[in-house]
Amino acid sequence: MNGNPVHIYVLKDPRDGIVRYVGKTECALKKRLVHHLHSSKKPADHKARWMAKLVRDGVTPIIESIEVCPFEIWQERECFWIKKYRDDGFDLTNTAEGGKGANGELMRAIWTPERRRKWGEAVSARNSSDEARARLRESGKAVWEVPGYREMQSEIHKKGHTPETRNAARLILAETRKHPGFQDRVNAGSAASWTPERLARRSIISKNCWNDERKKQHSLTISAQKNDPEKKAAWVKMMADKRKNGEMKKRVPLSEEGRKRRSIQQTSVMAARRAAKQQQQAVQ
């Protein structure tokens, strides 16, 4: 049994204050609003399409909590509020009468692995055209132009990336790396994902991004940073503090097995790069 309190909330149109959606959440309201804004990038229902239109108009919906209830009765309370607003004449974007939730047993029963696979293939096919990708890019950019969205994301990021959480993540990763065959699985996955075609595409993208003007500007920026006495002194102090506190990573000599593994990995990467270069030259 879950003991977390549940917020029953509404989403309002900021231009006229009219309620257009009723939902429930166990997380912070700002975080739930961010999830809604993300879903509006690929609108798949009435609510997401409504939010996508707001984003295109340069505004973001208002989220407000209308009731906090125990977890055991949230379905009843959500249904109550959806019925109340509809009876009062509000044109809600909810597609159901409430009480089902996004993570319940019902959703897991409906979205079987086979259905998820078919849905993923359909979405990939629909979004594979250049027009669809351009539309998604523009939609994603529009979300970041909404006033307050960047600040909201920054606040959520800071709360989730404290020194304690980062240290915990490091410990978990260190323990994971100790498992037998972990590095072999990582190397195999990397070699399988970086195909010659992908390397060729990445090479073309990098060359297009790093034109002569950008290289010159980058070089000037690095030179200015290296010649700045204050930044140089701050860097020296930071490295001295790390050595003093024992935070500097000690270089551990590779074992014979590690050297062989690295040699095989480097050989496979170089072979893939050569194949990508040959393929690129053949296209040209």
Foldseek 3Di string as FASTA:
>chain_A
DDFQKKFWKFWADVVPRATAATDIDRDDQLVVQLVLLVCLLPDDFQSSVVQLVCLVVQAGIDMDTPDIGTPVCVQVVSLVVLVVSVVVPGNYRDPDSGSPDDDDPVVPVVCDVVNVVVVVVVVCVVCVDPVNVVSSVVSVVSSVSRPPSVVSVVVVVDVCDDPVNVVVVVVVVVVQVPDPCSVVVVLVVVLVVLALVNLLVVVVVVDVVDDPVNVVVVVVVVVVQVPDVVNVVVVVVVVVVCVVVVNDDDDDDDDPVRVVVVVVSVVSVVVSPVSSVVVVVVVD
